[in-house]
Amino acid sequence: MVDWKKYIITFIMTGTVFGSAIVINNHFNRTRVTEMKSLYESISTDILSSETQFSLLSELSCKEVGSQILSQEL
């Protein structure tokens, strides 16, 4: 005679292990995606800032560059 109770308990335990692994994996993936979005926004802001500085500096003559606030960052 087959002991079905033992197989059902084993199946539930296996399902619990796999379910836990899936939940933990989803949590780490969400954390990683959040970090990547933050990094993307930071890089986008830095690029925009650099482009703005370049645009402002391209409008100035060479004599005016030394007297500006932006020249301190250069």
C-alpha atoms as a PDB file:
ATOM      1  CA  MET A   1       0.000   0.000   0.000  1.00  0.00           C
ATOM      2  CA  VAL A   2       1.234   3.471  -0.925  1.00  0.00           C
ATOM      3  CA  ASP A   3       1.636   5.992   1.875  1.00  0.00           C
ATOM      4  CA  TRP A   4       0.116   9.072   0.183  1.00  0.00           C
ATOM      5  CA  LYS A   5       0.488  11.211   3.278  1.00  0.00           C
ATOM      6  CA  LYS A   6       4.290  11.047   3.021  1.00  0.00           C
ATOM      7  CA  TYR A   7       4.218  12.076  -0.662  1.00  0.00           C
ATOM      8  CA  ILE A   8       1.832  14.978  -0.022  1.00  0.00           C
ATOM      9  CA  ILE A   9       4.001  16.300   2.833  1.00  0.00           C
ATOM     10  CA  THR A  10       7.094  16.021   0.641  1.00  0.00           C
ATOM     11  CA  PHE A  11       5.323  17.821  -2.198  1.00  0.00           C
ATOM     12  CA  ILE A  12       4.236  20.656   0.137  1.00  0.00           C
ATOM     13  CA  MET A  13       7.773  21.004   1.533  1.00  0.00           C
ATOM     14  CA  THR A  14       9.244  21.125  -1.974  1.00  0.00           C
ATOM     15  CA  GLY A  15       6.672  23.699  -3.057  1.00  0.00           C
ATOM     16  CA  THR A  16       7.493  25.806   0.013  1.00  0.00           C
ATOM     17  CA  VAL A  17      11.216  25.746  -0.799  1.00  0.00           C
ATOM     18  CA  PHE A  18      10.644  26.752  -4.426  1.00  0.00           C
ATOM     19  CA  GLY A  19       8.062  29.380  -3.447  1.00  0.00           C
ATOM     20  CA  SER A  20      10.456  30.909  -0.931  1.00  0.00           C
ATOM     21  CA  ALA A  21      13.251  31.003  -3.504  1.00  0.00           C
ATOM     22  CA  ILE A  22      10.989  32.772  -6.010  1.00  0.00           C
ATOM     23  CA  VAL A  23       9.902  35.388  -3.437  1.00  0.00           C
ATOM     24  CA  ILE A  24      13.499  36.064  -2.344  1.00  0.00           C
ATOM     25  CA  ASN A  25      14.641  36.311  -5.971  1.00  0.00           C
ATOM     26  CA  ASN A  26      11.886  38.825  -6.766  1.00  0.00           C
ATOM     27  CA  HIS A  27      12.888  40.942  -3.768  1.00  0.00           C
ATOM     28  CA  PHE A  28      16.539  41.080  -4.831  1.00  0.00           C
ATOM     29  CA  ASN A  29      15.573  41.859  -8.424  1.00  0.00           C
ATOM     30  CA  ARG A  30      13.364  44.770  -7.310  1.00  0.00           C
ATOM     31  CA  THR A  31      16.210  46.100  -5.155  1.00  0.00           C
ATOM     32  CA  ARG A  32      18.667  45.849  -8.051  1.00  0.00           C
ATOM     33  CA  VAL A  33      16.267  47.575 -10.472  1.00  0.00           C
ATOM     34  CA  THR A  34      15.748  50.420  -7.978  1.00  0.00           C
ATOM     35  CA  GLU A  35      19.517  50.886  -7.636  1.00  0.00           C
ATOM     36  CA  MET A  36      19.962  50.876 -11.408  1.00  0.00           C
ATOM     37  CA  LYS A  37      17.206  53.497 -11.862  1.00  0.00           C
ATOM     38  CA  SER A  38      18.891  55.710  -9.279  1.00  0.00           C
ATOM     39  CA  LEU A  39      22.248  55.315 -11.017  1.00  0.00           C
ATOM     40  CA  TYR A  40      20.654  56.070 -14.399  1.00  0.00           C
ATOM     41  CA  GLU A  41      19.079  59.251 -13.056  1.00  0.00           C
ATOM     42  CA  SER A  42      22.379  60.339 -11.505  1.00  0.00           C
ATOM     43  CA  ILE A  43      24.279  59.779 -14.754  1.00  0.00           C
ATOM     44  CA  SER A  44      21.571  61.575 -16.746  1.00  0.00           C
ATOM     45  CA  THR A  45      21.793  64.562 -14.414  1.00  0.00           C
ATOM     46  CA  ASP A  46      25.593  64.645 -14.694  1.00  0.00           C
ATOM     47  CA  ILE A  47      25.447  64.512 -18.490  1.00  0.00           C
ATOM     48  CA  LEU A  48      22.832  67.251 -18.621  1.00  0.00           C
ATOM     49  CA  SER A  49      24.938  69.384 -16.284  1.00  0.00           C
ATOM     50  CA  SER A  50      28.021  68.892 -18.461  1.00  0.00           C
ATOM     51  CA  GLU A  51      26.100  69.747 -21.617  1.00  0.00           C
ATOM     52  CA  THR A  52      24.711  72.890 -19.986  1.00  0.00           C
ATOM     53  CA  GLN A  53      28.179  74.001 -18.878  1.00  0.00           C
ATOM     54  CA  PHE A  54      29.571  73.361 -22.337  1.00  0.00           C
ATOM     55  CA  SER A  55      26.733  75.339 -23.900  1.00  0.00           C
ATOM     56  CA  LEU A  56      27.300  78.262 -21.538  1.00  0.00           C
ATOM     57  CA  LEU A  57      31.050  78.233 -22.042  1.00  0.00           C
ATOM     58  CA  SER A  58      30.736  78.060 -25.825  1.00  0.00           C
ATOM     59  CA  GLU A  59      28.856  81.366 -25.741  1.00  0.00           C
ATOM     60  CA  LEU A  60      31.644  83.173 -23.857  1.00  0.00           C
ATOM     61  CA  SER A  61      34.777  84.624 -25.291  1.00  0.00           C
ATOM     62  CA  CYS A  62      38.141  83.448 -23.952  1.00  0.00           C
ATOM     63  CA  LYS A  63      38.683  86.718 -22.036  1.00  0.00           C
ATOM     64  CA  GLU A  64      35.452  86.300 -20.083  1.00  0.00           C
ATOM     65  CA  VAL A  65      36.097  82.705 -19.016  1.00  0.00           C
ATOM     66  CA  GLY A  66      38.577  83.667 -16.265  1.00  0.00           C
ATOM     67  CA  SER A  67      36.134  86.020 -14.572  1.00  0.00           C
ATOM     68  CA  GLN A  68      33.194  83.621 -14.395  1.00  0.00           C
ATOM     69  CA  ILE A  69      32.080  81.239 -11.657  1.00  0.00           C
ATOM     70  CA  LEU A  70      32.232  78.324 -14.088  1.00  0.00           C
ATOM     71  CA  SER A  71      35.971  78.754 -14.522  1.00  0.00           C
ATOM     72  CA  GLN A  72      36.470  77.649 -10.907  1.00  0.00           C
ATOM     73  CA  GLU A  73      35.040  74.243 -11.786  1.00  0.00           C
ATOM     74  CA  LEU A  74      37.296  73.911 -14.811  1.00  0.00           C
END
